[in-house]
N, C-alpha and C. Protein backbone atom coordinates (compact mmCIF):
# COMPACT_ATOMS: atom_id res chain seq x y z
N MET A 1 66.89 9.75 21.73
CA MET A 1 67.86 9.22 22.91
C MET A 1 67.04 9.35 23.83
N LYS A 2 66.92 8.23 25.02
CA LYS A 2 66.64 8.39 26.25
C LYS A 2 67.44 8.69 27.40
N VAL A 3 66.98 9.13 28.50
CA VAL A 3 67.77 9.64 29.57
C VAL A 3 68.63 8.44 30.05
N VAL A 4 68.43 7.46 30.21
CA VAL A 4 69.06 6.04 30.64
C VAL A 4 70.20 5.90 29.45
N GLU A 5 69.79 5.93 28.27
CA GLU A 5 70.74 5.90 27.29
C GLU A 5 71.87 6.85 27.11
N LEU A 6 71.56 8.02 27.33
CA LEU A 6 72.44 9.11 27.63
C LEU A 6 73.62 8.99 28.84
N ASN A 7 72.95 8.40 30.01
CA ASN A 7 73.65 8.50 31.09
C ASN A 7 74.75 7.24 30.74
N THR A 8 74.13 6.05 30.03
CA THR A 8 75.30 5.18 29.97
C THR A 8 76.08 5.31 28.67
N ALA A 9 75.80 6.23 27.79
CA ALA A 9 76.59 6.57 26.76
C ALA A 9 77.89 7.38 26.97
N LEU A 10 77.51 8.31 28.03
CA LEU A 10 78.69 9.24 28.22
C LEU A 10 79.72 8.73 29.01
N THR A 11 81.27 8.97 28.52
CA THR A 11 82.28 8.28 29.15
C THR A 11 82.87 9.45 30.18
N PRO A 12 83.89 8.97 31.24
CA PRO A 12 84.44 9.88 31.77
C PRO A 12 85.01 10.98 31.33
N SER A 13 85.58 10.72 29.85
CA SER A 13 86.08 11.75 29.14
C SER A 13 85.02 12.94 28.72
N ASP A 14 83.75 12.56 28.47
CA ASP A 14 82.79 13.30 27.93
C ASP A 14 82.62 14.40 29.28
N TYR A 15 82.52 13.65 30.44
CA TYR A 15 82.08 14.71 31.54
C TYR A 15 83.29 15.66 31.80
N THR A 16 84.78 15.17 31.41
CA THR A 16 85.77 16.34 31.62
C THR A 16 85.37 17.35 30.41
N GLU A 17 85.03 16.53 29.11
CA GLU A 17 84.84 17.73 28.14
C GLU A 17 83.77 18.88 28.54
N ILE A 18 82.65 18.16 29.19
CA ILE A 18 81.43 19.18 29.77
C ILE A 18 82.15 20.14 30.50
N GLU A 19 83.10 19.80 31.44
CA GLU A 19 83.36 20.70 32.52
C GLU A 19 84.24 21.83 31.58
N SER A 20 85.16 21.34 30.81
CA SER A 20 85.87 22.26 29.85
C SER A 20 85.26 23.15 29.33
N LEU A 21 84.23 22.78 28.33
CA LEU A 21 83.26 23.58 27.78
C LEU A 21 82.53 24.65 28.57
N ALA A 22 81.96 23.95 29.79
CA ALA A 22 81.24 24.95 30.44
C ALA A 22 82.17 26.10 31.17
N GLU A 23 83.66 25.96 31.11
CA GLU A 23 84.56 26.76 31.75
C GLU A 23 84.65 27.72 30.72
N GLN A 24 84.68 27.11 29.31
CA GLN A 24 84.86 28.34 28.05
C GLN A 24 83.78 28.94 28.05
N ASN A 25 82.65 28.86 28.73
CA ASN A 25 81.60 29.76 28.43
C ASN A 25 80.11 29.12 27.27
N TYR A 26 80.40 28.03 26.99
CA TYR A 26 79.41 26.96 26.18
C TYR A 26 78.34 26.83 26.96
N GLY A 27 77.31 27.00 26.45
CA GLY A 27 76.07 26.63 27.16
C GLY A 27 75.61 25.08 26.98
N PRO A 28 74.53 24.75 27.68
CA PRO A 28 74.26 23.12 27.85
C PRO A 28 73.67 22.86 26.40
N ARG A 29 73.03 23.80 25.47
CA ARG A 29 72.84 23.41 24.10
C ARG A 29 74.06 22.98 23.34
N ASP A 30 74.90 23.82 23.24
CA ASP A 30 76.21 23.83 22.42
C ASP A 30 77.00 22.74 23.07
N ILE A 31 77.00 22.29 24.42
CA ILE A 31 77.83 21.08 24.87
C ILE A 31 77.03 19.95 24.32
N ALA A 32 75.80 19.74 24.16
CA ALA A 32 74.98 18.70 23.64
C ALA A 32 75.49 18.54 22.36
N LYS A 33 75.60 19.50 21.48
CA LYS A 33 75.91 19.39 20.02
C LYS A 33 77.22 18.80 19.96
N VAL A 34 78.13 19.54 20.96
CA VAL A 34 79.62 19.01 20.84
C VAL A 34 79.61 17.52 20.89
N LEU A 35 79.10 16.99 21.92
CA LEU A 35 79.09 15.59 22.23
C LEU A 35 78.06 14.71 21.19
N ARG A 36 77.48 15.33 20.43
CA ARG A 36 76.61 14.58 19.75
C ARG A 36 75.74 13.76 20.04
N VAL A 37 75.02 14.39 21.21
CA VAL A 37 73.74 13.63 21.70
C VAL A 37 72.41 14.48 21.66
N SER A 38 71.41 13.97 21.90
CA SER A 38 70.06 14.57 21.75
C SER A 38 70.22 15.88 22.64
N VAL A 39 70.15 17.02 22.03
CA VAL A 39 69.75 18.34 22.94
C VAL A 39 68.91 18.14 23.84
N ARG A 40 67.71 17.92 23.39
CA ARG A 40 66.57 17.75 24.39
C ARG A 40 66.61 16.99 25.55
N THR A 41 67.16 15.50 25.24
CA THR A 41 67.66 14.72 26.37
C THR A 41 68.53 15.27 27.45
N PHE A 42 69.77 15.90 26.58
CA PHE A 42 70.92 16.30 27.62
C PHE A 42 70.13 17.51 28.41
N LEU A 43 69.36 18.64 27.80
CA LEU A 43 68.93 19.37 28.66
C LEU A 43 68.00 18.82 29.77
N HIS A 44 67.22 17.99 29.49
CA HIS A 44 66.57 17.45 30.46
C HIS A 44 67.05 17.05 31.69
N VAL A 45 68.20 16.38 31.50
CA VAL A 45 69.04 15.72 32.39
C VAL A 45 69.79 16.90 33.19
N TRP A 46 70.28 17.69 32.31
CA TRP A 46 71.01 19.13 32.99
C TRP A 46 70.17 19.55 33.70
N ARG A 47 68.98 19.66 33.57
CA ARG A 47 67.95 20.47 34.40
C ARG A 47 67.88 19.85 36.00
N ASP A 48 68.34 18.61 36.10
CA ASP A 48 68.27 17.94 37.39
C ASP A 48 69.60 18.58 38.10
N LYS A 49 69.50 19.23 39.07
CA LYS A 49 70.77 19.96 39.81
C LYS A 49 71.63 18.45 40.42
N ASN A 50 71.09 17.20 40.57
CA ASN A 50 71.89 16.25 41.35
C ASN A 50 72.32 15.27 39.99
N SER A 51 72.16 15.62 38.67
CA SER A 51 72.63 14.73 37.80
C SER A 51 74.45 14.86 37.61
N GLN A 52 74.97 13.96 37.08
CA GLN A 52 76.37 14.07 36.80
C GLN A 52 76.56 15.15 35.79
N ILE A 53 75.77 15.15 34.93
CA ILE A 53 76.06 16.12 33.72
C ILE A 53 76.05 17.44 34.40
N ARG A 54 75.07 17.74 35.06
CA ARG A 54 74.91 19.10 35.88
C ARG A 54 76.23 19.52 36.90
N LYS A 55 76.50 18.48 37.49
CA LYS A 55 77.57 18.63 38.40
C LYS A 55 78.98 19.11 37.68
N ALA A 56 79.11 18.35 36.54
CA ALA A 56 80.11 18.55 35.67
C ALA A 56 80.22 20.15 35.08
N TYR A 57 79.15 20.38 34.74
CA TYR A 57 78.83 21.58 34.18
C TYR A 57 78.99 22.60 35.07
N ASP A 58 78.58 22.66 36.17
CA ASP A 58 78.53 23.41 37.43
C ASP A 58 80.13 23.63 37.86
N LEU A 59 80.72 22.84 37.96
CA LEU A 59 82.16 22.54 38.24
C LEU A 59 82.86 23.29 37.23
N GLY A 60 82.64 23.33 36.10
CA GLY A 60 83.38 24.03 34.99
C GLY A 60 83.10 25.39 35.22
N ARG A 61 82.03 25.72 35.34
CA ARG A 61 81.43 27.25 35.67
C ARG A 61 82.25 27.94 36.85
N PHE A 62 82.38 27.07 37.87
CA PHE A 62 83.04 27.48 39.17
C PHE A 62 84.49 27.69 39.01
N GLN A 63 85.09 26.67 38.23
CA GLN A 63 86.58 26.89 37.87
C GLN A 63 87.06 28.08 37.25
N ILE A 64 86.19 28.62 36.39
CA ILE A 64 86.46 29.79 35.47
C ILE A 64 86.20 31.05 36.56
N GLU A 65 85.24 30.86 37.45
CA GLU A 65 84.82 31.88 38.38
C GLU A 65 86.40 31.99 39.49
N ILE A 66 86.81 30.88 39.74
CA ILE A 66 87.80 31.16 40.48
C ILE A 66 89.17 31.64 40.22
N LYS A 67 89.26 31.30 38.58
CA LYS A 67 90.34 31.71 37.67
C LYS A 67 90.28 33.59 37.68
N LYS A 68 89.10 33.89 37.36
CA LYS A 68 88.67 35.26 37.30
C LYS A 68 89.03 35.84 38.63
N SER A 69 88.70 35.28 39.96
CA SER A 69 88.66 35.86 40.90
C SER A 69 90.03 36.18 41.33
N GLU A 70 91.03 35.06 41.15
CA GLU A 70 92.44 35.07 41.34
C GLU A 70 93.02 36.21 40.60
N LYS A 71 92.78 36.33 39.16
CA LYS A 71 93.24 37.59 38.37
C LYS A 71 92.80 38.93 38.80
N LEU A 72 91.59 39.01 39.46
CA LEU A 72 91.11 40.30 39.95
C LEU A 72 91.85 40.56 41.40
N ILE A 73 92.11 39.53 42.31
CA ILE A 73 93.10 39.77 43.32
C ILE A 73 94.37 40.11 43.18
N SER A 74 95.05 39.73 41.93
CA SER A 74 96.21 40.27 41.57
C SER A 74 96.38 41.62 40.97
N MET A 75 95.24 41.81 40.41
CA MET A 75 95.00 43.28 39.61
C MET A 75 94.75 44.20 40.99
N ILE A 76 93.95 43.69 42.14
CA ILE A 76 93.81 44.70 43.19
C ILE A 76 95.08 44.86 44.01
N ASP A 77 95.89 43.68 43.98
CA ASP A 77 97.17 44.03 44.62
C ASP A 77 98.23 45.04 43.96
N ASN A 78 97.88 44.98 42.76
CA ASN A 78 98.66 45.92 41.86
C ASN A 78 97.84 47.42 41.92
N GLU A 79 96.84 47.53 42.96
CA GLU A 79 96.14 48.90 42.99
C GLU A 79 95.52 49.26 41.79
N ASN A 80 94.78 48.63 41.07
CA ASN A 80 94.18 48.79 39.91
C ASN A 80 92.77 49.31 40.43
N THR A 81 92.31 50.27 40.17
CA THR A 81 91.12 50.87 40.72
C THR A 81 89.90 50.42 40.14
N THR A 82 89.85 49.83 38.92
CA THR A 82 88.63 49.45 38.24
C THR A 82 88.58 47.94 38.85
N ALA A 83 89.49 47.19 39.08
CA ALA A 83 89.49 45.76 39.72
C ALA A 83 89.08 46.20 41.14
N ILE A 84 89.41 47.17 41.63
CA ILE A 84 88.69 47.35 43.21
C ILE A 84 87.36 47.58 43.20
N GLN A 85 86.95 48.33 42.33
CA GLN A 85 85.46 48.66 41.91
C GLN A 85 84.78 47.29 41.84
N ILE A 86 85.18 46.65 40.77
CA ILE A 86 84.67 45.26 40.42
C ILE A 86 84.50 44.35 41.51
N HIS A 87 85.63 44.24 42.27
CA HIS A 87 85.30 43.36 43.65
C HIS A 87 84.36 43.97 44.46
N ASN A 88 84.39 45.30 44.84
CA ASN A 88 83.40 45.77 45.61
C ASN A 88 82.18 45.49 45.30
N LYS A 89 81.84 45.60 43.97
CA LYS A 89 80.36 45.18 43.50
C LYS A 89 80.22 43.76 43.52
N GLN A 90 81.21 42.78 43.35
CA GLN A 90 80.69 41.41 43.32
C GLN A 90 80.52 41.02 44.84
N SER A 91 81.31 41.91 45.79
CA SER A 91 81.11 41.68 47.40
C SER A 91 79.73 42.01 47.69
N GLU A 92 79.20 43.17 47.15
CA GLU A 92 77.83 43.77 47.49
C GLU A 92 76.74 42.47 46.86
N GLU A 93 77.11 41.84 45.70
CA GLU A 93 75.87 40.87 45.12
C GLU A 93 76.19 39.90 45.98
N ARG A 94 77.37 39.36 46.42
CA ARG A 94 77.27 38.15 47.25
C ARG A 94 76.73 38.35 48.72
N ASP A 95 76.91 39.62 49.11
CA ASP A 95 76.15 39.75 50.37
C ASP A 95 74.68 39.84 50.27
N PHE A 96 74.20 40.19 49.44
CA PHE A 96 72.79 40.36 48.99
C PHE A 96 72.31 38.84 48.91
N GLU A 97 72.91 38.18 47.94
CA GLU A 97 72.63 36.66 47.74
C GLU A 97 72.78 36.00 48.96
N ASP A 98 73.64 36.08 49.99
CA ASP A 98 73.66 35.37 51.11
C ASP A 98 72.46 35.69 52.10
N ALA A 99 72.18 36.93 52.20
CA ALA A 99 71.15 37.67 52.91
C ALA A 99 69.87 36.86 52.48
N ARG A 100 69.83 37.01 51.16
CA ARG A 100 68.41 36.13 50.82
C ARG A 100 68.58 34.68 51.08
N LEU A 101 69.54 34.03 50.79
CA LEU A 101 69.25 32.57 50.98
C LEU A 101 69.22 32.59 52.78
N ASP A 102 69.73 33.31 53.63
CA ASP A 102 69.59 33.29 55.01
C ASP A 102 67.87 33.38 55.28
N VAL A 103 67.33 34.42 54.73
CA VAL A 103 66.09 34.73 55.04
C VAL A 103 65.15 33.82 54.29
N PHE A 104 65.35 33.33 52.98
CA PHE A 104 64.22 32.62 52.47
C PHE A 104 64.74 31.34 52.15
N GLY A 105 65.87 31.18 52.52
CA GLY A 105 66.40 29.36 52.41
C GLY A 105 66.43 28.78 51.14
N PHE A 106 66.45 29.52 50.24
CA PHE A 106 66.58 28.99 48.66
C PHE A 106 67.24 29.71 47.56
């Protein structure tokens, strides 16, 4: 299957399925198998960060991160010590990532 064929073969419901599977922590190879498309071609398109496949995948991953963060905040509100520690660690990682982006620009 060629890239052009893959792009035309996927329907809007396929992109919704990509989001859903990514949110459930499936990787690109598994998603290609579920969609019954060429894994090699799917990965080729997925590696392009501007492709619709990659955008759907990233959106799914982002949606689950939002849900996890919301749950973590509710646990923090209940004074869960472990949740506070997890949040602090994630904040430090985000601060480092932001500083890296600021300095190196990528």
